[in-house]
PDB file of N, CA and C in Angstrom:
ATOM      1  N   MET A   1     -16.512  -7.431   1.233  1.00  0.00           N
ATOM      2  CA  MET A   1     -16.204  -6.144   0.647  1.00  0.00           C
ATOM      3  C   MET A   1     -17.326  -5.774  -0.332  1.00  0.00           C
ATOM      4  N   LEU A   2     -17.748  -4.549  -0.273  1.00  0.00           N
ATOM      5  CA  LEU A   2     -18.860  -4.081  -1.090  1.00  0.00           C
ATOM      6  C   LEU A   2     -18.566  -4.184  -2.592  1.00  0.00           C
ATOM      7  N   ALA A   3     -17.365  -3.816  -2.986  1.00  0.00           N
ATOM      8  CA  ALA A   3     -17.004  -3.872  -4.408  1.00  0.00           C
ATOM      9  C   ALA A   3     -17.094  -5.300  -4.939  1.00  0.00           C
ATOM     10  N   GLU A   4     -16.631  -6.244  -4.141  1.00  0.00           N
ATOM     11  CA  GLU A   4     -16.683  -7.654  -4.524  1.00  0.00           C
ATOM     12  C   GLU A   4     -18.133  -8.136  -4.655  1.00  0.00           C
ATOM     13  N   MET A   5     -18.955  -7.709  -3.707  1.00  0.00           N
ATOM     14  CA  MET A   5     -20.367  -8.076  -3.761  1.00  0.00           C
ATOM     15  C   MET A   5     -21.033  -7.491  -5.003  1.00  0.00           C
ATOM     16  N   TYR A   6     -20.712  -6.247  -5.326  1.00  0.00           N
ATOM     17  CA  TYR A   6     -21.278  -5.615  -6.522  1.00  0.00           C
ATOM     18  C   TYR A   6     -20.901  -6.409  -7.776  1.00  0.00           C
ATOM     19  N   ILE A   7     -19.628  -6.743  -7.894  1.00  0.00           N
ATOM     20  CA  ILE A   7     -19.168  -7.478  -9.079  1.00  0.00           C
ATOM     21  C   ILE A   7     -19.860  -8.833  -9.170  1.00  0.00           C
ATOM     22  N   ASN A   8     -19.870  -9.594  -8.072  1.00  0.00           N
ATOM     23  CA  ASN A   8     -20.410 -10.951  -8.107  1.00  0.00           C
ATOM     24  C   ASN A   8     -21.934 -11.013  -8.189  1.00  0.00           C
ATOM     25  N   ARG A   9     -22.618 -10.107  -7.516  1.00  0.00           N
ATOM     26  CA  ARG A   9     -24.077 -10.189  -7.465  1.00  0.00           C
ATOM     27  C   ARG A   9     -24.782  -9.375  -8.545  1.00  0.00           C
ATOM     28  N   HIS A  10     -24.129  -8.341  -9.045  1.00  0.00           N
ATOM     29  CA  HIS A  10     -24.797  -7.495 -10.041  1.00  0.00           C
ATOM     30  C   HIS A  10     -24.069  -7.500 -11.387  1.00  0.00           C
ATOM     31  N   ALA A  11     -22.808  -7.098 -11.371  1.00  0.00           N
ATOM     32  CA  ALA A  11     -22.104  -6.886 -12.637  1.00  0.00           C
ATOM     33  C   ALA A  11     -21.947  -8.170 -13.458  1.00  0.00           C
ATOM     34  N   LYS A  12     -21.422  -9.225 -12.847  1.00  0.00           N
ATOM     35  CA  LYS A  12     -21.205 -10.471 -13.601  1.00  0.00           C
ATOM     36  C   LYS A  12     -22.502 -11.039 -14.178  1.00  0.00           C
ATOM     37  N   PRO A  13     -23.571 -11.131 -13.384  1.00  0.00           N
ATOM     38  CA  PRO A  13     -24.792 -11.716 -13.952  1.00  0.00           C
ATOM     39  C   PRO A  13     -25.528 -10.814 -14.942  1.00  0.00           C
ATOM     40  N   LYS A  14     -25.338  -9.489 -14.855  1.00  0.00           N
ATOM     41  CA  LYS A  14     -26.189  -8.597 -15.632  1.00  0.00           C
ATOM     42  C   LYS A  14     -25.479  -7.741 -16.667  1.00  0.00           C
ATOM     43  N   LYS A  15     -24.156  -7.737 -16.660  1.00  0.00           N
ATOM     44  CA  LYS A  15     -23.438  -6.844 -17.569  1.00  0.00           C
ATOM     45  C   LYS A  15     -22.361  -7.592 -18.343  1.00  0.00           C
ATOM     46  N   LYS A  16     -22.359  -7.431 -19.648  1.00  0.00           N
ATOM     47  CA  LYS A  16     -21.298  -8.028 -20.457  1.00  0.00           C
ATOM     48  C   LYS A  16     -19.964  -7.336 -20.198  1.00  0.00           C
ATOM     49  N   THR A  17     -20.028  -6.093 -19.725  1.00  0.00           N
ATOM     50  CA  THR A  17     -18.824  -5.296 -19.502  1.00  0.00           C
ATOM     51  C   THR A  17     -18.384  -5.310 -18.037  1.00  0.00           C
ATOM     52  N   TRP A  18     -18.698  -6.368 -17.319  1.00  0.00           N
ATOM     53  CA  TRP A  18     -18.370  -6.428 -15.894  1.00  0.00           C
ATOM     54  C   TRP A  18     -16.879  -6.334 -15.630  1.00  0.00           C
ATOM     55  N   LYS A  19     -16.054  -6.793 -16.546  1.00  0.00           N
ATOM     56  CA  LYS A  19     -14.602  -6.713 -16.347  1.00  0.00           C
ATOM     57  C   LYS A  19     -14.126  -5.265 -16.302  1.00  0.00           C
ATOM     58  N   ILE A  20     -14.792  -4.398 -17.043  1.00  0.00           N
ATOM     59  CA  ILE A  20     -14.447  -2.968 -17.006  1.00  0.00           C
ATOM     60  C   ILE A  20     -14.789  -2.398 -15.635  1.00  0.00           C
ATOM     61  N   ASP A  21     -15.956  -2.741 -15.124  1.00  0.00           N
ATOM     62  CA  ASP A  21     -16.339  -2.299 -13.780  1.00  0.00           C
ATOM     63  C   ASP A  21     -15.323  -2.789 -12.746  1.00  0.00           C
ATOM     64  N   GLU A  22     -14.980  -4.055 -12.838  1.00  0.00           N
ATOM     65  CA  GLU A  22     -14.033  -4.635 -11.892  1.00  0.00           C
ATOM     66  C   GLU A  22     -12.676  -3.938 -11.985  1.00  0.00           C
ATOM     67  N   SER A  23     -12.242  -3.671 -13.191  1.00  0.00           N
ATOM     68  CA  SER A  23     -10.964  -3.008 -13.397  1.00  0.00           C
ATOM     69  C   SER A  23     -10.968  -1.595 -12.816  1.00  0.00           C
ATOM     70  N   CYS A  24     -12.036  -0.854 -13.057  1.00  0.00           N
ATOM     71  CA  CYS A  24     -12.135   0.508 -12.519  1.00  0.00           C
ATOM     72  C   CYS A  24     -12.116   0.494 -10.996  1.00  0.00           C
ATOM     73  N   LEU A  25     -12.854  -0.412 -10.418  1.00  0.00           N
ATOM     74  CA  LEU A  25     -12.866  -0.513  -8.965  1.00  0.00           C
ATOM     75  C   LEU A  25     -11.472  -0.830  -8.434  1.00  0.00           C
ATOM     76  N   ASN A  26     -10.813  -1.802  -9.042  1.00  0.00           N
ATOM     77  CA  ASN A  26      -9.496  -2.223  -8.566  1.00  0.00           C
ATOM     78  C   ASN A  26      -8.416  -1.175  -8.793  1.00  0.00           C
ATOM     79  N   GLN A  27      -8.488  -0.461  -9.896  1.00  0.00           N
ATOM     80  CA  GLN A  27      -7.441   0.503 -10.234  1.00  0.00           C
ATOM     81  C   GLN A  27      -7.652   1.880  -9.622  1.00  0.00           C
ATOM     82  N   LEU A  28      -8.907   2.278  -9.457  1.00  0.00           N
ATOM     83  CA  LEU A  28      -9.178   3.663  -9.066  1.00  0.00           C
ATOM     84  C   LEU A  28      -9.796   3.821  -7.686  1.00  0.00           C
ATOM     85  N   PHE A  29     -10.822   3.065  -7.408  1.00  0.00           N
ATOM     86  CA  PHE A  29     -11.602   3.316  -6.204  1.00  0.00           C
ATOM     87  C   PHE A  29     -11.114   2.553  -4.977  1.00  0.00           C
ATOM     88  N   ILE A  30     -10.789   1.291  -5.116  1.00  0.00           N
ATOM     89  CA  ILE A  30     -10.358   0.506  -3.956  1.00  0.00           C
ATOM     90  C   ILE A  30      -9.061   1.046  -3.351  1.00  0.00           C
ATOM     91  N   PRO A  31      -8.072   1.433  -4.166  1.00  0.00           N
ATOM     92  CA  PRO A  31      -6.861   1.990  -3.539  1.00  0.00           C
ATOM     93  C   PRO A  31      -7.139   3.239  -2.691  1.00  0.00           C
ATOM     94  N   LYS A  32      -8.094   4.034  -3.107  1.00  0.00           N
ATOM     95  CA  LYS A  32      -8.373   5.268  -2.373  1.00  0.00           C
ATOM     96  C   LYS A  32      -9.373   5.058  -1.239  1.00  0.00           C
ATOM     97  N   PHE A  33     -10.376   4.218  -1.431  1.00  0.00           N
ATOM     98  CA  PHE A  33     -11.462   4.089  -0.474  1.00  0.00           C
ATOM     99  C   PHE A  33     -11.589   2.706   0.156  1.00  0.00           C
ATOM    100  N   GLY A  34     -10.718   1.794  -0.172  1.00  0.00           N
ATOM    101  CA  GLY A  34     -10.854   0.419   0.276  1.00  0.00           C
ATOM    102  C   GLY A  34     -10.978   0.235   1.778  1.00  0.00           C
ATOM    103  N   ALA A  35     -10.342   1.104   2.563  1.00  0.00           N
ATOM    104  CA  ALA A  35     -10.374   0.960   4.016  1.00  0.00           C
ATOM    105  C   ALA A  35     -11.553   1.691   4.659  1.00  0.00           C
ATOM    106  N   HIS A  36     -12.350   2.394   3.846  1.00  0.00           N
ATOM    107  CA  HIS A  36     -13.475   3.170   4.377  1.00  0.00           C
ATOM    108  C   HIS A  36     -14.782   2.389   4.288  1.00  0.00           C
ATOM    109  N   LEU A  37     -15.676   2.669   5.198  1.00  0.00           N
ATOM    110  CA  LEU A  37     -17.032   2.152   5.074  1.00  0.00           C
ATOM    111  C   LEU A  37     -17.721   2.889   3.926  1.00  0.00           C
ATOM    112  N   ALA A  38     -18.574   2.203   3.205  1.00  0.00           N
ATOM    113  CA  ALA A  38     -19.279   2.835   2.089  1.00  0.00           C
ATOM    114  C   ALA A  38     -20.070   4.051   2.563  1.00  0.00           C
ATOM    115  N   SER A  39     -20.644   3.963   3.744  1.00  0.00           N
ATOM    116  CA  SER A  39     -21.441   5.077   4.269  1.00  0.00           C
ATOM    117  C   SER A  39     -20.598   6.303   4.581  1.00  0.00           C
ATOM    118  N   ALA A  40     -19.284   6.132   4.677  1.00  0.00           N
ATOM    119  CA  ALA A  40     -18.401   7.253   4.974  1.00  0.00           C
ATOM    120  C   ALA A  40     -17.902   7.968   3.716  1.00  0.00           C
ATOM    121  N   ILE A  41     -18.126   7.366   2.556  1.00  0.00           N
ATOM    122  CA  ILE A  41     -17.674   7.971   1.297  1.00  0.00           C
ATOM    123  C   ILE A  41     -18.724   8.968   0.829  1.00  0.00           C
ATOM    124  N   THR A  42     -18.278  10.185   0.584  1.00  0.00           N
ATOM    125  CA  THR A  42     -19.199  11.254   0.210  1.00  0.00           C
ATOM    126  C   THR A  42     -19.176  11.492  -1.297  1.00  0.00           C
ATOM    127  N   ARG A  43     -20.147  12.244  -1.752  1.00  0.00           N
ATOM    128  CA  ARG A  43     -20.154  12.654  -3.160  1.00  0.00           C
ATOM    129  C   ARG A  43     -18.888  13.435  -3.489  1.00  0.00           C
ATOM    130  N   ALA A  44     -18.450  14.244  -2.543  1.00  0.00           N
ATOM    131  CA  ALA A  44     -17.230  15.025  -2.751  1.00  0.00           C
ATOM    132  C   ALA A  44     -16.011  14.115  -2.932  1.00  0.00           C
ATOM    133  N   ASP A  45     -15.964  13.004  -2.195  1.00  0.00           N
ATOM    134  CA  ASP A  45     -14.868  12.050  -2.355  1.00  0.00           C
ATOM    135  C   ASP A  45     -14.836  11.483  -3.775  1.00  0.00           C
ATOM    136  N   VAL A  46     -15.990  11.070  -4.258  1.00  0.00           N
ATOM    137  CA  VAL A  46     -16.079  10.508  -5.611  1.00  0.00           C
ATOM    138  C   VAL A  46     -15.781  11.596  -6.644  1.00  0.00           C
ATOM    139  N   ALA A  47     -16.285  12.793  -6.414  1.00  0.00           N
ATOM    140  CA  ALA A  47     -16.020  13.905  -7.329  1.00  0.00           C
ATOM    141  C   ALA A  47     -14.527  14.205  -7.388  1.00  0.00           C
ATOM    142  N   SER A  48     -13.824  14.025  -6.268  1.00  0.00           N
ATOM    143  CA  SER A  48     -12.385  14.293  -6.271  1.00  0.00           C
ATOM    144  C   SER A  48     -11.628  13.311  -7.162  1.00  0.00           C
ATOM    145  N   ILE A  49     -12.075  12.059  -7.180  1.00  0.00           N
ATOM    146  CA  ILE A  49     -11.450  11.083  -8.092  1.00  0.00           C
ATOM    147  C   ILE A  49     -11.702  11.504  -9.534  1.00  0.00           C
ATOM    148  N   HIS A  50     -12.921  11.864  -9.839  1.00  0.00           N
ATOM    149  CA  HIS A  50     -13.246  12.292 -11.201  1.00  0.00           C
ATOM    150  C   HIS A  50     -12.460  13.530 -11.579  1.00  0.00           C
ATOM    151  N   ALA A  51     -12.310  14.457 -10.661  1.00  0.00           N
ATOM    152  CA  ALA A  51     -11.550  15.674 -10.945  1.00  0.00           C
ATOM    153  C   ALA A  51     -10.070  15.363 -11.156  1.00  0.00           C
ATOM    154  N   ASP A  52      -9.541  14.440 -10.366  1.00  0.00           N
ATOM    155  CA  ASP A  52      -8.125  14.078 -10.478  1.00  0.00           C
ATOM    156  C   ASP A  52      -7.794  13.444 -11.820  1.00  0.00           C
ATOM    157  N   ILE A  53      -8.669  12.587 -12.302  1.00  0.00           N
ATOM    158  CA  ILE A  53      -8.355  11.852 -13.533  1.00  0.00           C
ATOM    159  C   ILE A  53      -9.177  12.291 -14.725  1.00  0.00           C
ATOM    160  N   GLY A  54     -10.249  13.021 -14.490  1.00  0.00           N
ATOM    161  CA  GLY A  54     -11.102  13.491 -15.577  1.00  0.00           C
ATOM    162  C   GLY A  54     -12.023  12.391 -16.055  1.00  0.00           C
ATOM    163  N   PRO A  55     -13.242  12.731 -16.427  1.00  0.00           N
ATOM    164  CA  PRO A  55     -14.219  11.705 -16.813  1.00  0.00           C
ATOM    165  C   PRO A  55     -13.811  10.912 -18.053  1.00  0.00           C
ATOM    166  N   LEU A  56     -13.246  11.551 -19.055  1.00  0.00           N
ATOM    167  CA  LEU A  56     -12.838  10.808 -20.251  1.00  0.00           C
ATOM    168  C   LEU A  56     -11.619   9.952 -19.961  1.00  0.00           C
ATOM    169  N   ARG A  57     -10.727  10.461 -19.145  1.00  0.00           N
ATOM    170  CA  ARG A  57      -9.546   9.690 -18.757  1.00  0.00           C
ATOM    171  C   ARG A  57      -9.962   8.470 -17.948  1.00  0.00           C
ATOM    172  N   CYS A  58     -10.961   8.630 -17.092  1.00  0.00           N
ATOM    173  CA  CYS A  58     -11.455   7.503 -16.292  1.00  0.00           C
ATOM    174  C   CYS A  58     -11.937   6.393 -17.208  1.00  0.00           C
ATOM    175  N   GLN A  59     -12.759   6.739 -18.170  1.00  0.00           N
ATOM    176  CA  GLN A  59     -13.286   5.729 -19.079  1.00  0.00           C
ATOM    177  C   GLN A  59     -12.155   5.076 -19.858  1.00  0.00           C
ATOM    178  N   SER A  60     -11.225   5.868 -20.359  1.00  0.00           N
ATOM    179  CA  SER A  60     -10.107   5.340 -21.124  1.00  0.00           C
ATOM    180  C   SER A  60      -9.224   4.445 -20.256  1.00  0.00           C
ATOM    181  N   LEU A  61      -8.925   4.899 -19.048  1.00  0.00           N
ATOM    182  CA  LEU A  61      -8.087   4.118 -18.141  1.00  0.00           C
ATOM    183  C   LEU A  61      -8.734   2.793 -17.818  1.00  0.00           C
ATOM    184  N   CYS A  62     -10.017   2.804 -17.543  1.00  0.00           N
ATOM    185  CA  CYS A  62     -10.710   1.562 -17.203  1.00  0.00           C
ATOM    186  C   CYS A  62     -10.733   0.611 -18.388  1.00  0.00           C
ATOM    187  N   LEU A  63     -10.933   1.140 -19.582  1.00  0.00           N
ATOM    188  CA  LEU A  63     -10.937   0.281 -20.760  1.00  0.00           C
ATOM    189  C   LEU A  63      -9.554  -0.317 -20.979  1.00  0.00           C
ATOM    190  N   ASP A  64      -8.500   0.482 -20.784  1.00  0.00           N
ATOM    191  CA  ASP A  64      -7.144  -0.023 -20.923  1.00  0.00           C
ATOM    192  C   ASP A  64      -6.862  -1.118 -19.899  1.00  0.00           C
ATOM    193  N   CYS A  65      -7.304  -0.902 -18.666  1.00  0.00           N
ATOM    194  CA  CYS A  65      -7.090  -1.891 -17.613  1.00  0.00           C
ATOM    195  C   CYS A  65      -7.849  -3.175 -17.908  1.00  0.00           C
ATOM    196  N   ALA A  66      -9.044  -3.028 -18.441  1.00  0.00           N
ATOM    197  CA  ALA A  66      -9.870  -4.203 -18.731  1.00  0.00           C
ATOM    198  C   ALA A  66      -9.236  -5.086 -19.804  1.00  0.00           C
ATOM    199  N   GLN A  67      -8.489  -4.467 -20.711  1.00  0.00           N
ATOM    200  CA  GLN A  67      -7.828  -5.257 -21.744  1.00  0.00           C
ATOM    201  C   GLN A  67      -6.741  -6.141 -21.154  1.00  0.00           C
ATOM    202  N   ASP A  68      -6.185  -5.703 -20.018  1.00  0.00           N
ATOM    203  CA  ASP A  68      -5.142  -6.484 -19.365  1.00  0.00           C
ATOM    204  C   ASP A  68      -5.704  -7.656 -18.564  1.00  0.00           C
ATOM    205  N   VAL A  69      -7.020  -7.625 -18.291  1.00  0.00           N
ATOM    206  CA  VAL A  69      -7.638  -8.651 -17.447  1.00  0.00           C
ATOM    207  C   VAL A  69      -7.862  -9.915 -18.243  1.00  0.00           C
TER     208      VAL A  69
END
């Protein structure tokens, strides 16, 4: 899975905040796009998630989720 590869190969080794990335992926993106190929996800798809939850809400939600991890 691409999200798993991102977390293990990039986020964990290079970011102190990798748990926030992992939480956002698990809470927001994987439920909506998990069954799709990455090449099939469009900018409009990602924009729709941002529009649904709002950019500040996204950051807040991910931070809240990360505290639970």
